[in-house]
């Protein structure tokens, strides 16, 4: 009896369009492939974009007349904003829907990439990179949760291996693509190339991704605020601490004792 009910429920779900089916399926093998490809493509945008900018820093420095210490903020702003955006991803997904947050993240990433390409000063580029890091932060955690929902529990290991392989490809191909575009064209093409990729990813996700059940959970704003400050301080210390030593003209303290890392949190 239960098996017959389950098979009848699965048949009804399979007759629905893929975007109207439950986020946990069950999906056919073809439907899993249709969902997996655009989800991995969207998550690769964040991974590739983080690594392509590294190789173009010398060119950006010369074009925008920045010092070596100033140009590093292009990376720092993106990383810190991404860490902050990841913290509130779960709450935003529960409030607005996972599909809507994922689509908004892709759209925000694409728009801010275009803004970065047209930046005329270092301050503008750092600001746009910070916004881009925050709005694109949900791409990786949401893509991981979509992969776990799309595949049955016994195939979670397989799903995570595919997802991890996609995340590894980003840092591998990113510097190569960034170096070629910077050498042959201009550093601005590092951001221009994200525009068509973002449009393709947005169209694919909008066409195939079903929405997940929303949970209107309350957020502990005090705890989240403290966590955001701690994560931002720790990330700043790890990224900029080696360039501004304790006791230097930038960070001068009265105490002569060494400061532990926890002092920056």
Protein backbone atom coordinates (compact mmCIF):
# COMPACT_ATOMS: atom_id res chain seq x y z
CA UNK A 1 0.00 0.00 0.00
CA UNK A 2 2.71 2.48 1.02
CA UNK A 3 4.79 1.57 -2.01
CA UNK A 4 1.82 2.16 -4.29
CA UNK A 5 1.16 5.57 -2.71
CA UNK A 6 4.81 6.53 -3.05
CA UNK A 7 4.93 5.50 -6.69
CA UNK A 8 1.73 7.44 -7.37
CA UNK A 9 3.17 10.54 -5.70
CA UNK A 10 6.38 10.22 -7.73
CA UNK A 11 4.38 9.91 -10.93
CA UNK A 12 2.44 13.09 -10.15
CA UNK A 13 5.65 14.97 -9.41
CA UNK A 14 7.29 13.77 -12.62
CA UNK A 15 4.34 15.06 -14.65
CA UNK A 16 4.88 18.57 -13.33
CA UNK A 17 7.33 21.07 -14.90
CA UNK A 18 10.71 20.82 -13.25
CA UNK A 19 10.42 24.27 -11.67
CA UNK A 20 7.15 23.27 -9.94
CA UNK A 21 8.41 20.04 -8.45
CA UNK A 22 9.53 19.81 -4.80
CA UNK A 23 13.13 20.86 -4.30
CA UNK A 24 13.96 17.43 -2.88
CA UNK A 25 12.53 15.58 -5.87
CA UNK A 26 12.42 12.78 -6.65
CA UNK A 27 14.14 13.67 -9.92
CA UNK A 28 15.04 11.51 -12.88
CA UNK A 29 18.66 11.24 -14.00
CA UNK A 30 18.01 13.67 -16.85
CA UNK A 31 16.42 16.20 -14.50
CA UNK A 32 19.39 15.96 -12.12
CA UNK A 33 21.78 16.71 -14.98
CA UNK A 34 19.60 19.63 -16.12
CA UNK A 35 19.71 21.10 -12.59
CA UNK A 36 23.37 20.31 -11.86
CA UNK A 37 24.91 21.99 -14.93
CA UNK A 38 23.55 25.55 -14.41
CA UNK A 39 24.00 25.33 -10.63
CA UNK A 40 27.68 24.48 -11.00
CA UNK A 41 28.08 27.14 -13.68
CA UNK A 42 26.61 29.78 -11.36
CA UNK A 43 28.79 28.76 -8.41
CA UNK A 44 31.88 28.82 -10.63
CA UNK A 45 31.32 32.53 -11.24
CA UNK A 46 32.28 33.31 -7.65
CA UNK A 47 35.26 30.94 -7.56
CA UNK A 48 36.70 32.07 -10.89
CA UNK A 49 36.17 35.77 -10.20
CA UNK A 50 38.03 35.55 -6.90
CA UNK A 51 41.17 34.14 -8.54
CA UNK A 52 41.26 36.07 -11.83
CA UNK A 53 41.81 39.42 -10.12
CA UNK A 54 45.10 38.35 -8.52
CA UNK A 55 47.07 38.20 -11.77
CA UNK A 56 45.76 41.57 -12.96
CA UNK A 57 46.74 43.56 -9.86
CA UNK A 58 49.99 44.97 -11.37
CA UNK A 59 48.11 46.19 -14.46
CA UNK A 60 45.31 47.67 -12.37
CA UNK A 61 47.88 49.35 -10.14
CA UNK A 62 49.52 51.09 -13.07
CA UNK A 63 46.26 52.03 -14.75
CA UNK A 64 44.69 53.51 -11.60
CA UNK A 65 47.94 54.98 -10.19
CA UNK A 66 47.78 53.05 -6.91
CA UNK A 67 50.50 51.98 -4.51
CA UNK A 68 51.20 48.29 -3.79
CA UNK A 69 49.52 48.53 -0.38
CA UNK A 70 46.45 50.26 -1.80
CA UNK A 71 45.90 47.83 -4.67
CA UNK A 72 45.56 44.93 -2.23
CA UNK A 73 42.23 46.33 -1.05
CA UNK A 74 40.66 45.07 -4.27
CA UNK A 75 41.10 41.53 -2.98
CA UNK A 76 40.55 42.33 0.70
CA UNK A 77 37.23 44.11 0.10
CA UNK A 78 35.89 41.17 -1.92
CA UNK A 79 36.97 38.52 0.60
CA UNK A 80 35.69 40.37 3.68
CA UNK A 81 32.35 41.18 2.06
CA UNK A 82 31.98 37.55 0.93
CA UNK A 83 32.55 36.34 4.48
CA UNK A 84 29.90 38.74 5.79
CA UNK A 85 27.42 37.80 3.07
CA UNK A 86 27.83 34.09 3.77
CA UNK A 87 26.73 34.62 7.38
CA UNK A 88 23.25 35.89 6.44
CA UNK A 89 22.70 33.55 3.47
CA UNK A 90 20.67 31.01 5.42
CA UNK A 91 18.36 33.63 6.90
CA UNK A 92 17.82 35.33 3.54
CA UNK A 93 16.98 31.98 1.93
CA UNK A 94 14.38 31.29 4.60
CA UNK A 95 12.81 34.73 4.28
CA UNK A 96 12.82 35.19 0.49
CA UNK A 97 13.16 31.66 -0.86
CA UNK A 98 16.30 29.87 -1.90
CA UNK A 99 15.58 30.17 -5.63
CA UNK A 100 14.94 33.92 -5.37
CA UNK A 101 18.13 34.53 -3.38
CA UNK A 102 20.16 32.46 -5.85
CA UNK A 103 18.78 34.38 -8.83
CA UNK A 104 19.26 37.73 -7.09
CA UNK A 105 22.84 36.77 -6.27
CA UNK A 106 23.61 35.95 -9.91
CA UNK A 107 21.97 39.18 -11.09
CA UNK A 108 23.83 41.25 -8.49
CA UNK A 109 27.11 39.60 -9.41
CA UNK A 110 26.58 40.36 -13.10
CA UNK A 111 25.63 44.01 -12.52
CA UNK A 112 28.54 44.66 -10.15
CA UNK A 113 30.95 43.00 -12.60
CA UNK A 114 29.86 45.55 -15.19
CA UNK A 115 30.32 48.34 -12.64
CA UNK A 116 33.85 47.11 -11.85
CA UNK A 117 34.70 47.09 -15.55
CA UNK A 118 33.75 50.77 -15.85
CA UNK A 119 35.41 51.89 -12.59
CA UNK A 120 37.49 55.02 -13.13
CA UNK A 121 39.31 55.15 -9.79
CA UNK A 122 40.65 52.81 -7.14
CA UNK A 123 38.02 53.88 -4.61
CA UNK A 124 35.22 53.03 -7.04
CA UNK A 125 36.73 49.65 -7.87
CA UNK A 126 37.19 48.73 -4.20
CA UNK A 127 33.59 49.76 -3.43
CA UNK A 128 32.18 47.78 -6.35
CA UNK A 129 34.29 44.76 -5.42
CA UNK A 130 32.97 44.88 -1.86
CA UNK A 131 29.38 44.98 -3.14
CA UNK A 132 30.15 42.16 -5.56
CA UNK A 133 31.61 40.02 -2.80
CA UNK A 134 28.54 40.50 -0.61
CA UNK A 135 25.90 39.85 -3.27
CA UNK A 136 27.74 36.83 -4.71
CA UNK A 137 28.41 35.22 -1.33
CA UNK A 138 25.23 33.04 -1.42
CA UNK A 139 26.30 31.34 -4.66
CA UNK A 140 28.53 28.71 -3.08
CA UNK A 141 26.49 27.69 0.04
CA UNK A 142 23.18 27.66 -1.85
CA UNK A 143 24.64 25.67 -4.73
CA UNK A 144 25.86 23.09 -2.22
CA UNK A 145 22.44 22.79 -0.59
CA UNK A 146 20.78 22.47 -4.02
CA UNK A 147 23.11 19.60 -4.92
CA UNK A 148 22.26 17.80 -1.68
CA UNK A 149 18.52 18.23 -2.27
CA UNK A 150 18.69 17.19 -5.93
CA UNK A 151 20.43 13.87 -5.27
CA UNK A 152 19.11 11.15 -2.91
CA UNK A 153 20.86 10.57 0.39
CA UNK A 154 22.76 7.51 -0.84
CA UNK A 155 24.30 9.62 -3.62
CA UNK A 156 25.29 12.64 -1.51
CA UNK A 157 28.94 11.61 -1.70
CA UNK A 158 28.76 11.60 -5.49
CA UNK A 159 26.98 14.96 -5.52
CA UNK A 160 29.59 16.57 -3.26
CA UNK A 161 32.42 15.16 -5.37
CA UNK A 162 30.94 16.86 -8.44
CA UNK A 163 30.43 20.11 -6.53
CA UNK A 164 33.97 20.02 -5.09
CA UNK A 165 35.44 19.36 -8.51
CA UNK A 166 33.66 22.42 -9.83
CA UNK A 167 34.94 24.54 -6.96
CA UNK A 168 38.50 23.33 -7.55
CA UNK A 169 38.33 24.20 -11.24
CA UNK A 170 37.70 27.87 -10.44
CA UNK A 171 41.06 28.63 -8.76
CA UNK A 172 42.82 26.46 -11.37
CA UNK A 173 41.50 28.06 -14.57
CA UNK A 174 40.94 31.54 -13.10
CA UNK A 175 44.58 32.76 -13.08
CA UNK A 176 45.18 31.38 -16.58
CA UNK A 177 42.11 33.08 -18.03
CA UNK A 178 42.91 36.28 -16.15
CA UNK A 179 46.50 36.37 -17.38
CA UNK A 180 45.48 35.79 -21.01
CA UNK A 181 42.77 38.46 -20.97
CA UNK A 182 45.06 40.96 -19.25
CA UNK A 183 47.92 40.27 -21.66
CA UNK A 184 45.89 40.28 -24.86
CA UNK A 185 43.26 42.89 -24.07
CA UNK A 186 42.85 44.82 -20.79
CA UNK A 187 42.22 44.11 -17.13
CA UNK A 188 38.67 45.40 -17.55
CA UNK A 189 37.85 42.35 -19.67
CA UNK A 190 38.23 40.25 -16.52
CA UNK A 191 34.94 41.77 -15.41
CA UNK A 192 33.38 42.12 -18.86
CA UNK A 193 33.59 38.35 -19.38
CA UNK A 194 31.39 37.79 -16.30
CA UNK A 195 28.45 39.62 -17.89
CA UNK A 196 27.53 37.05 -20.60
CA UNK A 197 28.39 34.20 -18.23
CA UNK A 198 26.11 35.69 -15.59
CA UNK A 199 23.26 36.11 -18.08
CA UNK A 200 23.60 32.48 -19.20
CA UNK A 201 23.69 31.23 -15.59
CA UNK A 202 20.67 33.36 -14.64
CA UNK A 203 18.65 32.07 -17.59
CA UNK A 204 19.56 28.46 -16.82
CA UNK A 205 18.70 28.70 -13.12
CA UNK A 206 15.45 30.55 -13.81
CA UNK A 207 14.41 27.85 -16.29
CA UNK A 208 15.13 24.69 -14.29
CA UNK A 209 15.57 25.32 -10.56
CA UNK A 210 12.61 24.48 -8.28
CA UNK A 211 12.13 26.51 -5.13
CA UNK A 212 12.68 25.13 -1.64
CA UNK A 213 10.35 25.38 1.32
CA UNK A 214 10.73 28.66 3.19
CA UNK A 215 11.18 28.90 6.95
CA UNK A 216 10.41 32.27 8.53
CA UNK A 217 12.91 31.96 11.36
CA UNK A 218 13.88 34.91 13.53
CA UNK A 219 17.45 36.12 13.41
CA UNK A 220 19.54 36.92 16.45
CA UNK A 221 20.76 40.29 15.23
CA UNK A 222 23.00 40.80 18.25
CA UNK A 223 24.79 37.52 17.68
CA UNK A 224 24.96 38.03 13.93
CA UNK A 225 26.37 41.55 14.35
CA UNK A 226 29.03 40.26 16.75
CA UNK A 227 29.87 37.43 14.36
CA UNK A 228 30.13 39.82 11.40
CA UNK A 229 32.50 42.09 13.33
CA UNK A 230 34.61 39.11 14.44
CA UNK A 231 34.81 37.57 10.97
CA UNK A 232 35.61 40.91 9.32
CA UNK A 233 38.31 41.69 11.91
CA UNK A 234 39.86 38.25 11.59
CA UNK A 235 39.86 38.40 7.80
CA UNK A 236 41.40 41.87 7.84
CA UNK A 237 44.10 40.69 10.22
CA UNK A 238 44.93 37.64 8.09
CA UNK A 239 44.96 39.62 4.84
CA UNK A 240 46.47 42.94 5.92
CA UNK A 241 48.26 42.10 9.16
CA UNK A 242 51.53 41.22 7.48
CA UNK A 243 51.64 44.58 5.73
CA UNK A 244 50.94 46.72 8.80
CA UNK A 245 52.84 45.31 11.76
CA UNK A 246 51.96 46.02 15.34
CA UNK A 247 54.08 48.93 16.49
CA UNK A 248 54.42 50.46 13.03
CA UNK A 249 53.21 53.90 12.07
CA UNK A 250 49.93 52.42 10.83
CA UNK A 251 48.99 50.45 13.94
CA UNK A 252 50.80 51.84 17.00
CA UNK A 253 50.00 50.58 20.47
CA UNK A 254 51.43 51.73 23.78
CA UNK A 255 52.03 48.22 25.07
CA UNK A 256 55.35 46.59 24.19
CA UNK A 257 54.04 43.07 24.72
CA UNK A 258 53.13 41.00 21.64
CA UNK A 259 49.43 41.12 20.80
CA UNK A 260 47.73 37.74 20.30
CA UNK A 261 45.49 37.26 17.23
CA UNK A 262 42.38 37.22 19.46
CA UNK A 263 43.02 40.92 20.24
CA UNK A 264 41.92 41.82 16.72
CA UNK A 265 38.55 40.05 17.04
